[in-house]
Amino acid sequence: MAGETLVAPELVDLEVVSVWCRQVAARLMPARRAASAVADLADLPLRRFSHRPLLHRIWQLRHTVTPYDAAYIALAEAFQVVLVTADARLSRASGVHCEIAAIGGR
């Protein structure tokens, strides 16, 4: 993906920070490391887009995936790009109009 522009819904930051908060609370990640990771996340060269223009499509996908996952799908559809995910379940979602590429993960 070198040289590619990465895009994601704005909620990506909240989802990632939420995971780190849970890891710190469970003592799986030191708070200092999480704080550093938050700073790195803010600097990540990622174009973040509002989910508001995608709400209609997010609603259409309600029977297939969560609204959070639907935001990623709707954005990939809008930009006509491949959605890259480590979520095997999401990679098998039906009714989507974009290619979904699964990478190692859950």
Protein backbone atom coordinates (compact mmCIF):
# COMPACT_ATOMS: atom_id res chain seq x y z
CA MET A 1 0.00 0.00 0.00
CA ALA A 2 3.02 2.25 -0.26
CA GLY A 3 2.14 5.46 -2.03
CA GLU A 4 -1.58 4.93 -1.51
CA THR A 5 -3.82 7.41 0.25
CA LEU A 6 -5.56 5.76 3.18
CA VAL A 7 -9.11 6.81 4.03
CA ALA A 8 -11.33 5.96 6.98
CA PRO A 9 -14.42 7.26 8.73
CA GLU A 10 -13.62 9.71 11.54
CA LEU A 11 -14.79 7.12 14.03
CA VAL A 12 -11.61 5.12 13.40
CA ASP A 13 -9.82 7.19 16.03
CA LEU A 14 -12.48 6.51 18.66
CA GLU A 15 -12.53 2.80 17.92
CA VAL A 16 -8.75 2.49 18.18
CA VAL A 17 -8.51 4.56 21.36
CA SER A 18 -11.34 2.51 22.87
CA VAL A 19 -9.34 -0.68 22.32
CA TRP A 20 -6.28 0.87 23.96
CA CYS A 21 -8.36 2.05 26.93
CA ARG A 22 -9.62 -1.50 27.48
CA GLN A 23 -6.09 -2.88 27.16
CA VAL A 24 -4.74 -0.40 29.72
CA ALA A 25 -7.63 -1.15 32.10
CA ALA A 26 -6.92 -4.88 31.77
CA ARG A 27 -3.20 -4.23 32.32
CA LEU A 28 -2.40 -5.64 28.88
CA MET A 29 -0.79 -2.38 27.76
CA PRO A 30 1.10 0.20 29.82
CA ALA A 31 -0.63 3.60 29.97
CA ARG A 32 2.56 5.33 28.82
CA ARG A 33 2.67 3.15 25.70
CA ALA A 34 -1.00 3.85 24.99
CA ALA A 35 -0.44 7.60 25.35
CA SER A 36 2.40 7.39 22.85
CA ALA A 37 0.22 5.35 20.50
CA VAL A 38 -2.53 8.00 20.71
CA ALA A 39 -0.01 10.64 19.63
CA ASP A 40 1.08 8.42 16.74
CA LEU A 41 -2.54 7.87 15.73
CA ALA A 42 -3.11 11.62 15.56
CA ASP A 43 -0.11 11.92 13.22
CA LEU A 44 -1.07 8.97 11.02
CA PRO A 45 -1.31 10.04 7.36
CA LEU A 46 -4.92 8.97 7.10
CA ARG A 47 -7.68 11.01 5.48
CA ARG A 48 -10.61 10.91 7.85
CA PHE A 49 -14.12 11.52 6.57
CA SER A 50 -17.37 12.30 8.32
CA HIS A 51 -19.88 9.47 8.45
CA ARG A 52 -22.83 11.86 8.08
CA PRO A 53 -22.98 11.75 4.26
CA LEU A 54 -22.90 7.95 4.54
CA LEU A 55 -25.81 7.56 6.96
CA HIS A 56 -28.33 6.39 4.32
CA ARG A 57 -26.03 3.60 3.15
CA ILE A 58 -25.08 2.75 6.74
CA TRP A 59 -28.79 2.31 7.46
CA GLN A 60 -29.23 0.10 4.38
CA LEU A 61 -26.54 -2.24 5.68
CA ARG A 62 -28.15 -2.60 9.14
CA HIS A 63 -29.19 -6.24 8.63
CA THR A 64 -25.71 -7.27 7.53
CA VAL A 65 -23.15 -5.48 9.73
CA THR A 66 -22.92 -3.09 12.67
CA PRO A 67 -23.26 0.63 11.95
CA TYR A 68 -19.56 1.00 12.74
CA ASP A 69 -18.55 -1.59 10.15
CA ALA A 70 -21.11 -0.18 7.72
CA ALA A 71 -19.35 3.20 7.89
CA TYR A 72 -16.16 1.62 6.56
CA ILE A 73 -18.07 -0.23 3.84
CA ALA A 74 -20.03 2.85 2.79
CA LEU A 75 -16.85 4.92 2.59
CA ALA A 76 -15.08 2.28 0.47
CA GLU A 77 -18.11 2.13 -1.81
CA ALA A 78 -18.23 5.92 -2.14
CA PHE A 79 -14.55 6.08 -3.12
CA GLN A 80 -14.73 2.86 -5.16
CA VAL A 81 -11.73 1.44 -3.33
CA VAL A 82 -10.85 -1.85 -1.67
CA LEU A 83 -11.76 -2.11 2.01
CA VAL A 84 -8.82 -3.70 3.84
CA THR A 85 -9.73 -5.34 7.13
CA ALA A 86 -8.38 -7.80 9.67
CA ASP A 87 -11.96 -8.72 10.58
CA ALA A 88 -12.71 -12.06 8.90
CA ARG A 89 -16.43 -11.73 9.64
CA LEU A 90 -16.57 -8.31 7.97
CA SER A 91 -14.70 -9.65 4.94
CA ARG A 92 -17.58 -12.09 4.38
CA ALA A 93 -20.36 -9.50 4.64
CA SER A 94 -23.05 -9.78 2.00
CA GLY A 95 -24.77 -7.00 0.08
CA VAL A 96 -21.70 -4.80 -0.21
CA HIS A 97 -20.65 -2.98 -3.38
CA CYS A 98 -16.91 -2.89 -2.86
CA GLU A 99 -14.11 -5.38 -2.77
CA ILE A 100 -13.10 -6.44 0.73
CA ALA A 101 -9.59 -7.76 1.30
CA ALA A 102 -8.95 -9.69 4.50
CA ILE A 103 -5.52 -9.53 6.06
CA GLY A 104 -4.23 -11.53 9.04
CA GLY A 105 -6.28 -10.91 12.15
CA ARG A 106 -9.35 -12.08 13.97
